[in-house]
């Protein structure tokens, strides 16, 4: 996933994870930093789902990393089937350099 904009501001952080419709988390969480607003800003983040995510309907879930009552809108991309294999040294998640 890539978050290219947050109404909280550039370089702010949102925590994301995958979960099933029953609320069961099926991936580790990852903290994603918002880009500057351009469609190519921000970084790509790849998260490895656990066994519960295999052949299951999942949804991308997010929360403000500050755990406050404030709410913000975010814009970005998510593809649940990237087909990207994480490099061996990354057991749970992988972040690309900017604009890759």
PDB file of N, CA and C in Angstrom:
ATOM      1  N   UNK A   1       0.838  -1.157   0.000  1.00  0.00           N
ATOM      2  CA  UNK A   1       0.000   0.000   0.000  1.00  0.00           C
ATOM      3  C   UNK A   1       0.883   1.219   0.000  1.00  0.00           C
ATOM      4  N   UNK A   2       0.332   2.283  -0.500  1.00  0.00           N
ATOM      5  CA  UNK A   2       1.043   3.566  -0.517  1.00  0.00           C
ATOM      6  C   UNK A   2       0.063   4.652  -0.098  1.00  0.00           C
ATOM      7  N   UNK A   3       0.408   5.406   0.929  1.00  0.00           N
ATOM      8  CA  UNK A   3      -0.421   6.537   1.357  1.00  0.00           C
ATOM      9  C   UNK A   3       0.269   7.805   0.863  1.00  0.00           C
ATOM     10  N   UNK A   4      -0.328   8.437  -0.124  1.00  0.00           N
ATOM     11  CA  UNK A   4       0.320   9.612  -0.685  1.00  0.00           C
ATOM     12  C   UNK A   4      -0.176  10.925  -0.082  1.00  0.00           C
ATOM     13  N   UNK A   5      -1.255  10.877   0.722  1.00  0.00           N
ATOM     14  CA  UNK A   5      -1.755  12.118   1.316  1.00  0.00           C
ATOM     15  C   UNK A   5      -2.547  11.811   2.575  1.00  0.00           C
ATOM     16  N   UNK A   6      -2.416  12.678   3.565  1.00  0.00           N
ATOM     17  CA  UNK A   6      -3.231  12.636   4.775  1.00  0.00           C
ATOM     18  C   UNK A   6      -3.636  14.069   5.106  1.00  0.00           C
ATOM     19  N   UNK A   7      -4.897  14.275   5.496  1.00  0.00           N
ATOM     20  CA  UNK A   7      -5.311  15.620   5.889  1.00  0.00           C
ATOM     21  C   UNK A   7      -4.679  16.038   7.214  1.00  0.00           C
ATOM     22  N   UNK A   8      -4.038  15.096   7.902  1.00  0.00           N
ATOM     23  CA  UNK A   8      -3.279  15.442   9.107  1.00  0.00           C
ATOM     24  C   UNK A   8      -1.989  16.165   8.725  1.00  0.00           C
ATOM     25  N   UNK A   9      -1.488  15.924   7.501  1.00  0.00           N
ATOM     26  CA  UNK A   9      -0.301  16.622   7.018  1.00  0.00           C
ATOM     27  C   UNK A   9       0.748  15.696   6.441  1.00  0.00           C
ATOM     28  N   UNK A  10       1.726  16.290   5.748  1.00  0.00           N
ATOM     29  CA  UNK A  10       2.843  15.549   5.176  1.00  0.00           C
ATOM     30  C   UNK A  10       3.701  14.962   6.293  1.00  0.00           C
ATOM     31  N   UNK A  11       4.216  13.765   6.067  1.00  0.00           N
ATOM     32  CA  UNK A  11       5.085  13.055   7.003  1.00  0.00           C
ATOM     33  C   UNK A  11       4.397  12.654   8.303  1.00  0.00           C
ATOM     34  N   UNK A  12       3.074  12.633   8.328  1.00  0.00           N
ATOM     35  CA  UNK A  12       2.360  12.113   9.486  1.00  0.00           C
ATOM     36  C   UNK A  12       2.186  10.613   9.310  1.00  0.00           C
ATOM     37  N   UNK A  13       1.893   9.904  10.387  1.00  0.00           N
ATOM     38  CA  UNK A  13       1.900   8.446  10.385  1.00  0.00           C
ATOM     39  C   UNK A  13       0.517   7.886  10.662  1.00  0.00           C
ATOM     40  N   UNK A  14       0.151   6.851   9.906  1.00  0.00           N
ATOM     41  CA  UNK A  14      -1.070   6.085  10.124  1.00  0.00           C
ATOM     42  C   UNK A  14      -0.673   4.622  10.229  1.00  0.00           C
ATOM     43  N   UNK A  15      -1.294   3.892  11.145  1.00  0.00           N
ATOM     44  CA  UNK A  15      -1.014   2.470  11.325  1.00  0.00           C
ATOM     45  C   UNK A  15      -2.034   1.656  10.541  1.00  0.00           C
ATOM     46  N   UNK A  16      -1.563   0.705   9.729  1.00  0.00           N
ATOM     47  CA  UNK A  16      -2.416  -0.140   8.892  1.00  0.00           C
ATOM     48  C   UNK A  16      -2.206  -1.612   9.225  1.00  0.00           C
ATOM     49  N   UNK A  17      -3.234  -2.424   9.000  1.00  0.00           N
ATOM     50  CA  UNK A  17      -3.131  -3.882   9.101  1.00  0.00           C
ATOM     51  C   UNK A  17      -4.291  -4.492   8.339  1.00  0.00           C
ATOM     52  N   UNK A  18      -4.218  -5.790   8.087  1.00  0.00           N
ATOM     53  CA  UNK A  18      -5.295  -6.526   7.432  1.00  0.00           C
ATOM     54  C   UNK A  18      -6.125  -7.231   8.477  1.00  0.00           C
ATOM     55  N   UNK A  19      -7.435  -7.276   8.258  1.00  0.00           N
ATOM     56  CA  UNK A  19      -8.301  -8.035   9.159  1.00  0.00           C
ATOM     57  C   UNK A  19      -9.466  -8.631   8.389  1.00  0.00           C
ATOM     58  N   UNK A  20     -10.036  -9.677   8.971  1.00  0.00           N
ATOM     59  CA  UNK A  20     -11.233 -10.297   8.419  1.00  0.00           C
ATOM     60  C   UNK A  20     -12.461  -9.501   8.852  1.00  0.00           C
ATOM     61  N   UNK A  21     -13.615  -9.805   8.261  1.00  0.00           N
ATOM     62  CA  UNK A  21     -14.838  -9.072   8.603  1.00  0.00           C
ATOM     63  C   UNK A  21     -15.269  -9.292  10.044  1.00  0.00           C
ATOM     64  N   UNK A  22     -14.793 -10.369  10.688  1.00  0.00           N
ATOM     65  CA  UNK A  22     -15.146 -10.610  12.083  1.00  0.00           C
ATOM     66  C   UNK A  22     -14.219  -9.880  13.058  1.00  0.00           C
ATOM     67  N   UNK A  23     -13.271  -9.080  12.514  1.00  0.00           N
ATOM     68  CA  UNK A  23     -12.373  -8.299  13.351  1.00  0.00           C
ATOM     69  C   UNK A  23     -11.063  -8.987  13.700  1.00  0.00           C
ATOM     70  N   UNK A  24     -10.856 -10.195  13.209  1.00  0.00           N
ATOM     71  CA  UNK A  24      -9.619 -10.919  13.479  1.00  0.00           C
ATOM     72  C   UNK A  24      -8.477 -10.326  12.659  1.00  0.00           C
ATOM     73  N   UNK A  25      -7.404  -9.912  13.307  1.00  0.00           N
ATOM     74  CA  UNK A  25      -6.238  -9.393  12.592  1.00  0.00           C
ATOM     75  C   UNK A  25      -5.505 -10.541  11.918  1.00  0.00           C
ATOM     76  N   UNK A  26      -5.149 -10.347  10.648  1.00  0.00           N
ATOM     77  CA  UNK A  26      -4.483 -11.402   9.895  1.00  0.00           C
ATOM     78  C   UNK A  26      -3.158 -10.935   9.287  1.00  0.00           C
ATOM     79  N   UNK A  27      -2.586  -9.877   9.857  1.00  0.00           N
ATOM     80  CA  UNK A  27      -1.264  -9.415   9.447  1.00  0.00           C
ATOM     81  C   UNK A  27      -0.673  -8.599  10.580  1.00  0.00           C
ATOM     82  N   UNK A  28       0.636  -8.421  10.551  1.00  0.00           N
ATOM     83  CA  UNK A  28       1.217  -7.476  11.498  1.00  0.00           C
ATOM     84  C   UNK A  28       0.815  -6.066  11.093  1.00  0.00           C
ATOM     85  N   UNK A  29       0.893  -5.132  12.010  1.00  0.00           N
ATOM     86  CA  UNK A  29       0.605  -3.737  11.659  1.00  0.00           C
ATOM     87  C   UNK A  29       1.871  -3.096  11.115  1.00  0.00           C
ATOM     88  N   UNK A  30       1.678  -2.062  10.322  1.00  0.00           N
ATOM     89  CA  UNK A  30       2.806  -1.320   9.765  1.00  0.00           C
ATOM     90  C   UNK A  30       2.479   0.167   9.851  1.00  0.00           C
ATOM     91  N   UNK A  31       3.458   0.949  10.258  1.00  0.00           N
ATOM     92  CA  UNK A  31       3.288   2.398  10.338  1.00  0.00           C
ATOM     93  C   UNK A  31       3.704   2.998   8.999  1.00  0.00           C
ATOM     94  N   UNK A  32       2.793   3.762   8.386  1.00  0.00           N
ATOM     95  CA  UNK A  32       3.007   4.324   7.055  1.00  0.00           C
ATOM     96  C   UNK A  32       3.020   5.841   7.155  1.00  0.00           C
ATOM     97  N   UNK A  33       4.042   6.444   6.570  1.00  0.00           N
ATOM     98  CA  UNK A  33       4.185   7.897   6.583  1.00  0.00           C
ATOM     99  C   UNK A  33       3.559   8.488   5.330  1.00  0.00           C
ATOM    100  N   UNK A  34       2.755   9.526   5.517  1.00  0.00           N
ATOM    101  CA  UNK A  34       2.078  10.174   4.390  1.00  0.00           C
ATOM    102  C   UNK A  34       3.072  10.917   3.522  1.00  0.00           C
ATOM    103  N   UNK A  35       2.821  10.877   2.225  1.00  0.00           N
ATOM    104  CA  UNK A  35       3.622  11.638   1.275  1.00  0.00           C
ATOM    105  C   UNK A  35       3.173  13.089   1.251  1.00  0.00           C
ATOM    106  N   UNK A  36       3.685  13.825   0.287  1.00  0.00           N
ATOM    107  CA  UNK A  36       3.416  15.258   0.186  1.00  0.00           C
ATOM    108  C   UNK A  36       2.124  15.580  -0.554  1.00  0.00           C
ATOM    109  N   UNK A  37       1.430  14.570  -1.058  1.00  0.00           N
ATOM    110  CA  UNK A  37       0.158  14.804  -1.724  1.00  0.00           C
ATOM    111  C   UNK A  37       0.133  14.426  -3.185  1.00  0.00           C
ATOM    112  N   UNK A  38       1.294  14.397  -3.837  1.00  0.00           N
ATOM    113  CA  UNK A  38       1.350  14.001  -5.237  1.00  0.00           C
ATOM    114  C   UNK A  38       1.128  12.504  -5.379  1.00  0.00           C
ATOM    115  N   UNK A  39       0.544  12.065  -6.483  1.00  0.00           N
ATOM    116  CA  UNK A  39       0.228  10.653  -6.672  1.00  0.00           C
ATOM    117  C   UNK A  39       1.447   9.743  -6.573  1.00  0.00           C
ATOM    118  N   UNK A  40       2.637  10.270  -6.841  1.00  0.00           N
ATOM    119  CA  UNK A  40       3.849   9.460  -6.753  1.00  0.00           C
ATOM    120  C   UNK A  40       4.614   9.681  -5.458  1.00  0.00           C
ATOM    121  N   UNK A  41       4.039  10.426  -4.504  1.00  0.00           N
ATOM    122  CA  UNK A  41       4.749  10.641  -3.252  1.00  0.00           C
ATOM    123  C   UNK A  41       4.449   9.505  -2.279  1.00  0.00           C
ATOM    124  N   UNK A  42       5.242   9.386  -1.250  1.00  0.00           N
ATOM    125  CA  UNK A  42       5.093   8.298  -0.290  1.00  0.00           C
ATOM    126  C   UNK A  42       5.911   7.096  -0.718  1.00  0.00           C
ATOM    127  N   UNK A  43       5.881   6.058   0.102  1.00  0.00           N
ATOM    128  CA  UNK A  43       6.630   4.835  -0.175  1.00  0.00           C
ATOM    129  C   UNK A  43       5.674   3.659  -0.267  1.00  0.00           C
ATOM    130  N   UNK A  44       6.081   2.638  -1.014  1.00  0.00           N
ATOM    131  CA  UNK A  44       5.306   1.398  -1.077  1.00  0.00           C
ATOM    132  C   UNK A  44       5.626   0.558   0.147  1.00  0.00           C
ATOM    133  N   UNK A  45       4.601  -0.011   0.755  1.00  0.00           N
ATOM    134  CA  UNK A  45       4.763  -0.886   1.908  1.00  0.00           C
ATOM    135  C   UNK A  45       4.107  -2.224   1.582  1.00  0.00           C
ATOM    136  N   UNK A  46       4.844  -3.299   1.822  1.00  0.00           N
ATOM    137  CA  UNK A  46       4.345  -4.642   1.585  1.00  0.00           C
ATOM    138  C   UNK A  46       4.313  -5.364   2.930  1.00  0.00           C
ATOM    139  N   UNK A  47       3.171  -5.943   3.274  1.00  0.00           N
ATOM    140  CA  UNK A  47       3.023  -6.645   4.545  1.00  0.00           C
ATOM    141  C   UNK A  47       2.613  -8.078   4.270  1.00  0.00           C
ATOM    142  N   UNK A  48       3.240  -8.991   4.956  1.00  0.00           N
ATOM    143  CA  UNK A  48       2.943 -10.410   4.792  1.00  0.00           C
ATOM    144  C   UNK A  48       1.785 -10.793   5.713  1.00  0.00           C
ATOM    145  N   UNK A  49       0.694 -11.267   5.110  1.00  0.00           N
ATOM    146  CA  UNK A  49      -0.437 -11.742   5.899  1.00  0.00           C
ATOM    147  C   UNK A  49      -0.101 -13.066   6.557  1.00  0.00           C
ATOM    148  N   UNK A  50      -0.770 -13.392   7.660  1.00  0.00           N
ATOM    149  CA  UNK A  50      -0.531 -14.689   8.286  1.00  0.00           C
ATOM    150  C   UNK A  50      -1.441 -15.742   7.649  1.00  0.00           C
ATOM    151  N   UNK A  51      -1.410 -16.955   8.154  1.00  0.00           N
ATOM    152  CA  UNK A  51      -2.165 -18.060   7.557  1.00  0.00           C
ATOM    153  C   UNK A  51      -3.660 -17.757   7.484  1.00  0.00           C
ATOM    154  N   UNK A  52      -4.188 -16.967   8.406  1.00  0.00           N
ATOM    155  CA  UNK A  52      -5.609 -16.633   8.405  1.00  0.00           C
ATOM    156  C   UNK A  52      -6.029 -15.779   7.225  1.00  0.00           C
ATOM    157  N   UNK A  53      -5.059 -15.175   6.538  1.00  0.00           N
ATOM    158  CA  UNK A  53      -5.367 -14.319   5.391  1.00  0.00           C
ATOM    159  C   UNK A  53      -5.436 -15.097   4.086  1.00  0.00           C
ATOM    160  N   UNK A  54      -4.943 -16.333   4.080  1.00  0.00           N
ATOM    161  CA  UNK A  54      -4.923 -17.124   2.854  1.00  0.00           C
ATOM    162  C   UNK A  54      -6.333 -17.474   2.390  1.00  0.00           C
ATOM    163  N   UNK A  55      -6.617 -17.199   1.132  1.00  0.00           N
ATOM    164  CA  UNK A  55      -7.903 -17.517   0.506  1.00  0.00           C
ATOM    165  C   UNK A  55      -9.073 -17.000   1.334  1.00  0.00           C
ATOM    166  N   UNK A  56      -8.918 -15.806   1.906  1.00  0.00           N
ATOM    167  CA  UNK A  56      -9.970 -15.216   2.742  1.00  0.00           C
ATOM    168  C   UNK A  56     -10.263 -13.803   2.261  1.00  0.00           C
ATOM    169  N   UNK A  57     -11.471 -13.339   2.508  1.00  0.00           N
ATOM    170  CA  UNK A  57     -11.797 -11.945   2.253  1.00  0.00           C
ATOM    171  C   UNK A  57     -11.238 -11.128   3.409  1.00  0.00           C
ATOM    172  N   UNK A  58     -10.385 -10.178   3.083  1.00  0.00           N
ATOM    173  CA  UNK A  58      -9.784  -9.331   4.103  1.00  0.00           C
ATOM    174  C   UNK A  58     -10.025  -7.873   3.737  1.00  0.00           C
ATOM    175  N   UNK A  59      -9.823  -7.008   4.704  1.00  0.00           N
ATOM    176  CA  UNK A  59      -9.939  -5.575   4.448  1.00  0.00           C
ATOM    177  C   UNK A  59      -8.747  -4.854   5.058  1.00  0.00           C
ATOM    178  N   UNK A  60      -8.414  -3.741   4.463  1.00  0.00           N
ATOM    179  CA  UNK A  60      -7.346  -2.903   4.981  1.00  0.00           C
ATOM    180  C   UNK A  60      -7.946  -2.035   6.076  1.00  0.00           C
ATOM    181  N   UNK A  61      -7.329  -2.062   7.238  1.00  0.00           N
ATOM    182  CA  UNK A  61      -7.812  -1.317   8.394  1.00  0.00           C
ATOM    183  C   UNK A  61      -6.746  -0.306   8.794  1.00  0.00           C
ATOM    184  N   UNK A  62      -7.168   0.841   9.290  1.00  0.00           N
ATOM    185  CA  UNK A  62      -6.206   1.879   9.663  1.00  0.00           C
ATOM    186  C   UNK A  62      -6.661   2.609  10.913  1.00  0.00           C
ATOM    187  N   UNK A  63      -5.674   3.163  11.621  1.00  0.00           N
ATOM    188  CA  UNK A  63      -5.986   4.035  12.756  1.00  0.00           C
ATOM    189  C   UNK A  63      -4.906   5.091  12.877  1.00  0.00           C
ATOM    190  N   UNK A  64      -5.286   6.199  13.448  1.00  0.00           N
ATOM    191  CA  UNK A  64      -4.356   7.285  13.727  1.00  0.00           C
ATOM    192  C   UNK A  64      -3.315   6.756  14.708  1.00  0.00           C
ATOM    193  N   UNK A  65      -2.045   6.922  14.400  1.00  0.00           N
ATOM    194  CA  UNK A  65      -1.010   6.393  15.284  1.00  0.00           C
ATOM    195  C   UNK A  65      -0.970   7.107  16.630  1.00  0.00           C
ATOM    196  N   UNK A  66      -1.604   8.262  16.725  1.00  0.00           N
ATOM    197  CA  UNK A  66      -1.636   9.018  17.984  1.00  0.00           C
ATOM    198  C   UNK A  66      -2.716   8.507  18.931  1.00  0.00           C
ATOM    199  N   UNK A  67      -3.557   7.600  18.467  1.00  0.00           N
ATOM    200  CA  UNK A  67      -4.674   7.042  19.235  1.00  0.00           C
ATOM    201  C   UNK A  67      -5.407   8.172  19.962  1.00  0.00           C
ATOM    202  N   UNK A  68      -5.982   9.054  19.164  1.00  0.00           N
ATOM    203  CA  UNK A  68      -6.745  10.179  19.700  1.00  0.00           C
ATOM    204  C   UNK A  68      -8.144  10.151  19.101  1.00  0.00           C
ATOM    205  N   UNK A  69      -8.980  11.032  19.562  1.00  0.00           N
ATOM    206  CA  UNK A  69     -10.348  11.097  19.031  1.00  0.00           C
ATOM    207  C   UNK A  69     -10.409  11.871  17.715  1.00  0.00           C
ATOM    208  N   UNK A  70      -9.311  12.455  17.287  1.00  0.00           N
ATOM    209  CA  UNK A  70      -9.280  13.193  16.024  1.00  0.00           C
ATOM    210  C   UNK A  70      -9.387  12.216  14.855  1.00  0.00           C
ATOM    211  N   UNK A  71      -9.990  12.666  13.771  1.00  0.00           N
ATOM    212  CA  UNK A  71     -10.070  11.838  12.578  1.00  0.00           C
ATOM    213  C   UNK A  71      -9.518  12.613  11.386  1.00  0.00           C
ATOM    214  N   UNK A  72      -8.938  11.873  10.442  1.00  0.00           N
ATOM    215  CA  UNK A  72      -8.337  12.450   9.262  1.00  0.00           C
ATOM    216  C   UNK A  72      -8.687  11.587   8.060  1.00  0.00           C
ATOM    217  N   UNK A  73      -8.621  12.173   6.896  1.00  0.00           N
ATOM    218  CA  UNK A  73      -8.809  11.425   5.653  1.00  0.00           C
ATOM    219  C   UNK A  73      -7.442  11.141   5.054  1.00  0.00           C
ATOM    220  N   UNK A  74      -7.324   9.991   4.420  1.00  0.00           N
ATOM    221  CA  UNK A  74      -6.079   9.635   3.736  1.00  0.00           C
ATOM    222  C   UNK A  74      -6.397   9.227   2.308  1.00  0.00           C
ATOM    223  N   UNK A  75      -5.428   9.387   1.428  1.00  0.00           N
ATOM    224  CA  UNK A  75      -5.531   8.950   0.046  1.00  0.00           C
ATOM    225  C   UNK A  75      -4.332   8.074  -0.252  1.00  0.00           C
ATOM    226  N   UNK A  76      -4.568   7.026  -1.023  1.00  0.00           N
ATOM    227  CA  UNK A  76      -3.468   6.142  -1.383  1.00  0.00           C
ATOM    228  C   UNK A  76      -3.944   5.003  -2.244  1.00  0.00           C
ATOM    229  N   UNK A  77      -3.090   3.996  -2.358  1.00  0.00           N
ATOM    230  CA  UNK A  77      -3.362   2.827  -3.178  1.00  0.00           C
ATOM    231  C   UNK A  77      -3.197   1.572  -2.329  1.00  0.00           C
ATOM    232  N   UNK A  78      -4.012   0.576  -2.608  1.00  0.00           N
ATOM    233  CA  UNK A  78      -3.861  -0.723  -1.974  1.00  0.00           C
ATOM    234  C   UNK A  78      -4.220  -1.791  -2.980  1.00  0.00           C
ATOM    235  N   UNK A  79      -3.371  -2.777  -3.116  1.00  0.00           N
ATOM    236  CA  UNK A  79      -3.638  -3.928  -3.974  1.00  0.00           C
ATOM    237  C   UNK A  79      -3.380  -5.166  -3.133  1.00  0.00           C
ATOM    238  N   UNK A  80      -4.429  -5.889  -2.814  1.00  0.00           N
ATOM    239  CA  UNK A  80      -4.297  -7.041  -1.918  1.00  0.00           C
ATOM    240  C   UNK A  80      -3.591  -8.219  -2.563  1.00  0.00           C
ATOM    241  N   UNK A  81      -3.398  -8.181  -3.862  1.00  0.00           N
ATOM    242  CA  UNK A  81      -2.743  -9.288  -4.555  1.00  0.00           C
ATOM    243  C   UNK A  81      -1.618  -8.765  -5.430  1.00  0.00           C
ATOM    244  N   UNK A  82      -0.590  -8.227  -4.799  1.00  0.00           N
ATOM    245  CA  UNK A  82       0.505  -7.658  -5.579  1.00  0.00           C
ATOM    246  C   UNK A  82       1.344  -8.729  -6.241  1.00  0.00           C
ATOM    247  N   UNK A  83       1.372  -9.923  -5.661  1.00  0.00           N
ATOM    248  CA  UNK A  83       2.230 -10.964  -6.183  1.00  0.00           C
ATOM    249  C   UNK A  83       3.691 -10.720  -5.870  1.00  0.00           C
ATOM    250  N   UNK A  84       3.969  -9.702  -5.075  1.00  0.00           N
ATOM    251  CA  UNK A  84       5.353  -9.390  -4.724  1.00  0.00           C
ATOM    252  C   UNK A  84       5.819 -10.326  -3.615  1.00  0.00           C
ATOM    253  N   UNK A  85       6.950 -10.928  -3.821  1.00  0.00           N
ATOM    254  CA  UNK A  85       7.541 -11.805  -2.815  1.00  0.00           C
ATOM    255  C   UNK A  85       8.528 -10.977  -2.007  1.00  0.00           C
ATOM    256  N   UNK A  86       8.369 -10.994  -0.692  1.00  0.00           N
ATOM    257  CA  UNK A  86       9.262 -10.215   0.149  1.00  0.00           C
ATOM    258  C   UNK A  86      10.671 -10.794   0.089  1.00  0.00           C
ATOM    259  N   UNK A  87      11.685  -9.919   0.008  1.00  0.00           N
ATOM    260  CA  UNK A  87      13.054 -10.422   0.081  1.00  0.00           C
ATOM    261  C   UNK A  87      13.235 -11.240   1.356  1.00  0.00           C
ATOM    262  N   UNK A  88      14.068 -12.266   1.308  1.00  0.00           N
ATOM    263  CA  UNK A  88      14.222 -13.210   2.400  1.00  0.00           C
ATOM    264  C   UNK A  88      14.522 -12.608   3.756  1.00  0.00           C
ATOM    265  N   UNK A  89      15.243 -11.479   3.791  1.00  0.00           N
ATOM    266  CA  UNK A  89      15.597 -10.899   5.075  1.00  0.00           C
ATOM    267  C   UNK A  89      14.429 -10.180   5.747  1.00  0.00           C
ATOM    268  N   UNK A  90      13.312  -9.996   5.039  1.00  0.00           N
ATOM    269  CA  UNK A  90      12.148  -9.311   5.597  1.00  0.00           C
ATOM    270  C   UNK A  90      11.087 -10.340   5.929  1.00  0.00           C
ATOM    271  N   UNK A  91      10.883 -10.605   7.185  1.00  0.00           N
ATOM    272  CA  UNK A  91       9.969 -11.662   7.611  1.00  0.00           C
ATOM    273  C   UNK A  91       8.504 -11.204   7.597  1.00  0.00           C
ATOM    274  N   UNK A  92       8.241  -9.920   7.896  1.00  0.00           N
ATOM    275  CA  UNK A  92       6.851  -9.464   8.007  1.00  0.00           C
ATOM    276  C   UNK A  92       6.492  -8.316   7.085  1.00  0.00           C
ATOM    277  N   UNK A  93       7.443  -7.410   6.802  1.00  0.00           N
ATOM    278  CA  UNK A  93       7.095  -6.261   5.968  1.00  0.00           C
ATOM    279  C   UNK A  93       8.331  -5.748   5.246  1.00  0.00           C
ATOM    280  N   UNK A  94       8.087  -4.937   4.220  1.00  0.00           N
ATOM    281  CA  UNK A  94       9.146  -4.400   3.375  1.00  0.00           C
ATOM    282  C   UNK A  94       8.685  -3.044   2.862  1.00  0.00           C
ATOM    283  N   UNK A  95       9.585  -2.059   2.906  1.00  0.00           N
ATOM    284  CA  UNK A  95       9.280  -0.717   2.426  1.00  0.00           C
ATOM    285  C   UNK A  95      10.263  -0.349   1.325  1.00  0.00           C
ATOM    286  N   UNK A  96       9.753   0.153   0.199  1.00  0.00           N
ATOM    287  CA  UNK A  96      10.634   0.555  -0.895  1.00  0.00           C
ATOM    288  C   UNK A  96      11.158   1.962  -0.644  1.00  0.00           C
ATOM    289  N   UNK A  97      12.127   2.339  -1.448  1.00  0.00           N
ATOM    290  CA  UNK A  97      12.558   3.731  -1.449  1.00  0.00           C
ATOM    291  C   UNK A  97      11.453   4.551  -2.111  1.00  0.00           C
ATOM    292  N   UNK A  98      11.523   5.853  -2.019  1.00  0.00           N
ATOM    293  CA  UNK A  98      10.499   6.707  -2.613  1.00  0.00           C
ATOM    294  C   UNK A  98      10.365   6.469  -4.112  1.00  0.00           C
ATOM    295  N   UNK A  99       9.151   6.513  -4.592  1.00  0.00           N
ATOM    296  CA  UNK A  99       8.816   6.476  -6.017  1.00  0.00           C
ATOM    297  C   UNK A  99       9.287   5.225  -6.744  1.00  0.00           C
ATOM    298  N   UNK A 100       9.301   4.087  -6.069  1.00  0.00           N
ATOM    299  CA  UNK A 100       9.671   2.834  -6.743  1.00  0.00           C
ATOM    300  C   UNK A 100       8.498   1.903  -6.748  1.00  0.00           C
TER     301      UNK A 100
END
